[in-house]
Every structure is written in structure tokens, then in C-alpha cells.
C-alpha atoms as a PDB file:
ATOM      1  CA  MET A   1      35.479 -24.123  20.491  1.00  0.00           C
ATOM      2  CA  HIS A   2      33.321 -26.825  20.376  1.00  0.00           C
ATOM      3  CA  ARG A   3      33.773 -29.209  17.036  1.00  0.00           C
ATOM      4  CA  SER A   4      31.851 -32.355  16.004  1.00  0.00           C
ATOM      5  CA  ILE A   5      33.630 -35.095  14.808  1.00  0.00           C
ATOM      6  CA  PRO A   6      31.648 -37.160  11.712  1.00  0.00           C
ATOM      7  CA  ILE A   7      30.373 -40.363  13.552  1.00  0.00           C
ATOM      8  CA  SER A   8      32.092 -42.333  10.719  1.00  0.00           C
ATOM      9  CA  LEU A   9      35.464 -41.318  11.347  1.00  0.00           C
ATOM     10  CA  LEU A  10      34.557 -41.790  15.025  1.00  0.00           C
ATOM     11  CA  LEU A  11      33.477 -45.597  14.590  1.00  0.00           C
ATOM     12  CA  ALA A  12      36.671 -46.329  11.804  1.00  0.00           C
ATOM     13  CA  THR A  13      38.667 -44.922  14.792  1.00  0.00           C
ATOM     14  CA  MET A  14      37.337 -47.418  17.283  1.00  0.00           C
ATOM     15  CA  LEU A  15      37.225 -50.242  15.042  1.00  0.00           C
ATOM     16  CA  ALA A  16      40.833 -49.684  14.134  1.00  0.00           C
ATOM     17  CA  ALA A  17      41.992 -49.736  17.859  1.00  0.00           C
ATOM     18  CA  CYS A  18      40.148 -52.458  18.549  1.00  0.00           C
ATOM     19  CA  ALA A  19      41.685 -54.759  15.392  1.00  0.00           C
ATOM     20  CA  GLN A  20      45.269 -53.912  17.005  1.00  0.00           C
ATOM     21  CA  THR A  21      44.389 -55.146  20.500  1.00  0.00           C
ATOM     22  CA  GLY A  22      41.802 -58.146  19.233  1.00  0.00           C
ATOM     23  CA  GLN A  23      38.917 -56.405  21.773  1.00  0.00           C
ATOM     24  CA  HIS A  24      35.441 -56.427  20.450  1.00  0.00           C
ATOM     25  CA  PRO A  25      34.219 -52.789  19.730  1.00  0.00           C
ATOM     26  CA  ALA A  26      31.572 -53.178  22.661  1.00  0.00           C
ATOM     27  CA  ALA A  27      34.343 -53.881  25.324  1.00  0.00           C
ATOM     28  CA  ALA A  28      36.467 -50.703  24.218  1.00  0.00           C
ATOM     29  CA  VAL A  29      33.555 -48.621  25.223  1.00  0.00           C
ATOM     30  CA  GLN A  30      34.072 -48.696  29.134  1.00  0.00           C
ATOM     31  CA  PRO A  31      30.988 -47.299  31.116  1.00  0.00           C
ATOM     32  CA  THR A  32      31.577 -44.095  33.149  1.00  0.00           C
ATOM     33  CA  PRO A  33      30.588 -44.551  36.730  1.00  0.00           C
ATOM     34  CA  ALA A  34      28.242 -42.409  38.289  1.00  0.00           C
ATOM     35  CA  PRO A  35      29.002 -39.711  40.431  1.00  0.00           C
ATOM     36  CA  ALA A  36      28.933 -40.117  44.195  1.00  0.00           C
ATOM     37  CA  GLN A  37      25.679 -38.549  44.878  1.00  0.00           C
ATOM     38  CA  ALA A  38      26.810 -35.501  47.776  1.00  0.00           C
ATOM     39  CA  ARG A  39      25.234 -35.310  50.993  1.00  0.00           C
ATOM     40  CA  PRO A  40      22.691 -32.537  51.904  1.00  0.00           C
ATOM     41  CA  ALA A  41      24.144 -29.358  53.520  1.00  0.00           C
ATOM     42  CA  PRO A  42      22.395 -28.654  56.999  1.00  0.00           C
ATOM     43  CA  ALA A  43      19.261 -26.736  57.047  1.00  0.00           C
ATOM     44  CA  ALA A  44      20.387 -23.015  57.822  1.00  0.00           C
ATOM     45  CA  ALA A  45      18.196 -21.373  60.559  1.00  0.00           C
ATOM     46  CA  PRO A  46      15.445 -19.139  59.100  1.00  0.00           C
ATOM     47  CA  ALA A  47      16.327 -15.824  58.570  1.00  0.00           C
ATOM     48  CA  ALA A  48      14.599 -13.043  60.206  1.00  0.00           C
ATOM     49  CA  ALA A  49      14.108 -10.507  57.154  1.00  0.00           C
ATOM     50  CA  THR A  50      14.729 -12.315  53.435  1.00  0.00           C
ATOM     51  CA  THR A  51      16.371 -10.484  50.333  1.00  0.00           C
ATOM     52  CA  SER A  52      16.253 -11.013  47.327  1.00  0.00           C
ATOM     53  CA  THR A  53      19.860 -11.659  45.580  1.00  0.00           C
ATOM     54  CA  SER A  54      18.475 -11.696  41.549  1.00  0.00           C
ATOM     55  CA  VAL A  55      19.528  -9.357  39.149  1.00  0.00           C
ATOM     56  CA  ALA A  56      17.141  -7.771  36.795  1.00  0.00           C
ATOM     57  CA  PRO A  57      18.049  -8.314  33.229  1.00  0.00           C
ATOM     58  CA  THR A  58      19.671  -5.275  31.428  1.00  0.00           C
ATOM     59  CA  PRO A  59      17.172  -3.148  29.361  1.00  0.00           C
ATOM     60  CA  ALA A  60      17.454  -2.957  25.989  1.00  0.00           C
ATOM     61  CA  PRO A  61      19.227   0.601  25.126  1.00  0.00           C
ATOM     62  CA  VAL A  62      16.973   2.978  24.294  1.00  0.00           C
ATOM     63  CA  VAL A  63      18.472   5.652  21.420  1.00  0.00           C
ATOM     64  CA  GLN A  64      18.636   9.401  22.616  1.00  0.00           C
ATOM     65  CA  ALA A  65      17.248  12.186  20.398  1.00  0.00           C
ATOM     66  CA  ASP A  66      20.872  13.534  20.172  1.00  0.00           C
ATOM     67  CA  GLU A  67      21.583  10.306  18.072  1.00  0.00           C
ATOM     68  CA  PRO A  68      19.779  11.570  14.918  1.00  0.00           C
ATOM     69  CA  ASN A  69      22.039   8.594  13.019  1.00  0.00           C
ATOM     70  CA  VAL A  70      21.518   5.581  14.716  1.00  0.00           C
ATOM     71  CA  VAL A  71      18.582   3.213  13.935  1.00  0.00           C
ATOM     72  CA  ALA A  72      17.574   0.808  17.395  1.00  0.00           C
ATOM     73  CA  PHE A  73      16.749  -2.564  16.671  1.00  0.00           C
ATOM     74  CA  ALA A  74      14.827  -5.312  19.397  1.00  0.00           C
ATOM     75  CA  THR A  75      17.769  -7.642  21.215  1.00  0.00           C
ATOM     76  CA  GLY A  76      18.151 -10.603  19.456  1.00  0.00           C
ATOM     77  CA  SER A  77      16.528  -9.176  16.203  1.00  0.00           C
ATOM     78  CA  ASP A  78      17.817  -7.748  12.845  1.00  0.00           C
ATOM     79  CA  LYS A  79      14.651  -6.710  11.979  1.00  0.00           C
ATOM     80  CA  LEU A  80      13.715  -3.022  11.198  1.00  0.00           C
ATOM     81  CA  ASP A  81      10.176  -1.779  13.016  1.00  0.00           C
ATOM     82  CA  ASP A  82       7.755   1.172  12.103  1.00  0.00           C
ATOM     83  CA  ALA A  83      10.192   3.200  14.201  1.00  0.00           C
ATOM     84  CA  ALA A  84      13.439   1.845  12.603  1.00  0.00           C
ATOM     85  CA  SER A  85      11.864   2.115   9.178  1.00  0.00           C
ATOM     86  CA  ALA A  86      10.862   6.193   9.833  1.00  0.00           C
ATOM     87  CA  LYS A  87      14.326   7.014  10.986  1.00  0.00           C
ATOM     88  CA  ILE A  88      15.995   5.343   7.574  1.00  0.00           C
ATOM     89  CA  THR A  89      13.170   7.343   5.921  1.00  0.00           C
ATOM     90  CA  ASP A  90      14.431  10.694   7.396  1.00  0.00           C
ATOM     91  CA  LEU A  91      18.117  10.121   5.981  1.00  0.00           C
ATOM     92  CA  VAL A  92      17.617   8.756   2.742  1.00  0.00           C
ATOM     93  CA  GLU A  93      18.373  12.398   1.442  1.00  0.00           C
ATOM     94  CA  GLN A  94      21.424  13.070   3.185  1.00  0.00           C
ATOM     95  CA  ALA A  95      22.770   9.549   2.150  1.00  0.00           C
ATOM     96  CA  ARG A  96      21.931   9.923  -1.382  1.00  0.00           C
ATOM     97  CA  GLN A  97      23.890  13.695  -1.188  1.00  0.00           C
ATOM     98  CA  ALA A  98      26.891  11.899   0.380  1.00  0.00           C
ATOM     99  CA  LYS A  99      29.586  10.276  -1.727  1.00  0.00           C
ATOM    100  CA  LYS A 100      29.819   6.875   0.870  1.00  0.00           C
ATOM    101  CA  VAL A 101      27.613   5.896   3.176  1.00  0.00           C
ATOM    102  CA  GLU A 102      29.130   3.862   5.938  1.00  0.00           C
ATOM    103  CA  VAL A 103      26.446   1.533   8.196  1.00  0.00           C
ATOM    104  CA  LEU A 104      27.890  -0.053  11.646  1.00  0.00           C
ATOM    105  CA  GLY A 105      26.015  -2.782  12.737  1.00  0.00           C
ATOM    106  CA  SER A 106      26.389  -3.661  16.494  1.00  0.00           C
ATOM    107  CA  ALA A 107      24.566  -6.408  19.051  1.00  0.00           C
ATOM    108  CA  GLN A 108      25.007  -6.913  22.602  1.00  0.00           C
ATOM    109  CA  VAL A 109      24.467 -10.604  22.265  1.00  0.00           C
ATOM    110  CA  ASN A 110      27.972 -12.409  22.523  1.00  0.00           C
ATOM    111  CA  GLY A 111      29.785 -14.907  20.977  1.00  0.00           C
ATOM    112  CA  LYS A 112      29.568 -16.031  17.043  1.00  0.00           C
ATOM    113  CA  PHE A 113      26.113 -14.623  16.971  1.00  0.00           C
ATOM    114  CA  ASN A 114      26.968 -10.979  18.271  1.00  0.00           C
ATOM    115  CA  LYS A 115      28.898 -10.438  14.831  1.00  0.00           C
ATOM    116  CA  LYS A 116      26.709 -12.252  12.586  1.00  0.00           C
ATOM    117  CA  LEU A 117      23.752 -10.170  13.935  1.00  0.00           C
ATOM    118  CA  ALA A 118      25.625  -7.278  13.906  1.00  0.00           C
ATOM    119  CA  LEU A 119      26.773  -7.404  10.256  1.00  0.00           C
ATOM    120  CA  SER A 120      22.752  -8.933   9.585  1.00  0.00           C
ATOM    121  CA  ARG A 121      21.517  -5.643  11.136  1.00  0.00           C
ATOM    122  CA  ALA A 122      24.141  -3.206   9.117  1.00  0.00           C
ATOM    123  CA  PHE A 123      23.053  -5.241   6.029  1.00  0.00           C
ATOM    124  CA  ALA A 124      19.114  -4.572   6.892  1.00  0.00           C
ATOM    125  CA  VAL A 125      19.977  -0.807   6.915  1.00  0.00           C
ATOM    126  CA  LYS A 126      21.633  -0.812   3.935  1.00  0.00           C
ATOM    127  CA  ARG A 127      18.919  -2.648   1.927  1.00  0.00           C
ATOM    128  CA  ALA A 128      16.527  -0.158   3.290  1.00  0.00           C
ATOM    129  CA  LEU A 129      18.348   2.790   1.863  1.00  0.00           C
ATOM    130  CA  ALA A 130      18.926   0.827  -1.312  1.00  0.00           C
ATOM    131  CA  HIS A 131      15.073   0.516  -1.506  1.00  0.00           C
ATOM    132  CA  ALA A 132      14.399   4.124  -1.083  1.00  0.00           C
ATOM    133  CA  GLY A 133      17.205   4.997  -3.768  1.00  0.00           C
ATOM    134  CA  VAL A 134      20.032   5.201  -2.520  1.00  0.00           C
ATOM    135  CA  ARG A 135      23.034   3.935  -4.588  1.00  0.00           C
ATOM    136  CA  PRO A 136      23.864   0.280  -2.873  1.00  0.00           C
ATOM    137  CA  GLY A 137      27.750   0.473  -3.962  1.00  0.00           C
ATOM    138  CA  LYS A 138      28.263   3.584  -2.164  1.00  0.00           C
ATOM    139  CA  ILE A 139      26.533   2.295   0.803  1.00  0.00           C
ATOM    140  CA  MET A 140      29.410   0.600   3.117  1.00  0.00           C
ATOM    141  CA  VAL A 141      28.568  -1.792   5.466  1.00  0.00           C
ATOM    142  CA  ARG A 142      30.486  -2.777   8.555  1.00  0.00           C
ATOM    143  CA  TYR A 143      30.066  -4.569  12.328  1.00  0.00           C
ATOM    144  CA  SER A 144      30.997  -3.836  15.657  1.00  0.00           C
ATOM    145  CA  THR A 145      31.841  -6.220  18.301  1.00  0.00           C
ATOM    146  CA  ILE A 146      33.049  -3.541  20.664  1.00  0.00           C
ATOM    147  CA  GLU A 147      29.651  -1.180  20.994  1.00  0.00           C
ATOM    148  CA  SER A 148      27.426  -3.361  22.878  1.00  0.00           C
ATOM    149  CA  ARG A 149      23.707  -1.624  21.721  1.00  0.00           C
ATOM    150  CA  ASP A 150      21.385  -3.072  19.825  1.00  0.00           C
ATOM    151  CA  VAL A 151      21.683  -0.869  17.009  1.00  0.00           C
ATOM    152  CA  ALA A 152      22.860   0.377  13.680  1.00  0.00           C
ATOM    153  CA  THR A 153      24.671   3.901  12.997  1.00  0.00           C
ATOM    154  CA  ILE A 154      24.712   5.662  10.086  1.00  0.00           C
ATOM    155  CA  THR A 155      27.331   7.736   9.280  1.00  0.00           C
ATOM    156  CA  PHE A 156      27.580  10.395   5.803  1.00  0.00           C
ATOM    157  CA  LYS A 157      30.926  11.028   4.063  1.00  0.00           C
ATOM    158  CA  PRO A 158      30.722  14.120   1.816  1.00  0.00           C
END
């Protein structure tokens, strides 16, 4: 994890070190020598046939028809598109009748952004359900960093 140090703290530390050694602040900072330049590798003989080694990006997951409680999102987005809004509209009656509704957001991006995006997706679905008349107090929001898909899954508890 990278943490930034406030410049004022860094300068105060440098000045304190200079005061102890009696050096001027500019003398305390030594320039880093430039790295030695590597010699280029000898040119290889041309190959008879070249093959591409690039890897195609992984396409966004597609929600299957047998996943009626899964709302899909565009990669990197927490915005509900028309298809996602229509799916939520189809689930409103089930949500109203359930005692509890759980919305589990997930994202296929790695790191801290993954958690934030997954949770943001779950809240987007909760807001849409609440806007459609489902009592917000019975909608529980969670996120998952295990499932690597751009979706939010809605579960109804009787």
C-alpha cells in the first residue's frame, strides 16, 4: 500500500536532519545517478511465419436466462442501463412480498476499487427497488470480491 507523506512533514524532517549535521538542505539531497544504458540485443533472424502472442481482453460476463435474479452492469460501471432497470421492475413484486431482500454486488476489477464498485452496484439496485415501492429497511446490501462478475444478485427471504 502506498501512503503519501505530507510535504510539510517531509521538509521539517529534512531541516531537522540538516540542523544536526550542519549541512545546507540542498546538500542533504544527493542526486540519483542515471542508470547505465543497456546494450541492445542482437537482431534475431526473421522467422518464416510469425504468430501473435497478444491476449484478447476478457469479455464482460453475460447473464444467462436461467439467472432471473441477476442484474448485469457494464464493466467498471455502477449505472443501471435499460435492461437492468427492466429486470428490477420484473422483480419488484417478489421483493414487496419477501420479508427480507438481499442485494449482493460484485465486480471483476481487482483491488480497493473492486469493493467500492461492488458495493456501489448493490446500492444502485437497492435505490431502484426502493424507488419502485419496496421498503428500504428490509433490503440488506452486501458486496462480494470472490465472484468475479459485473453483476448484482438479488435474493428474497420468505
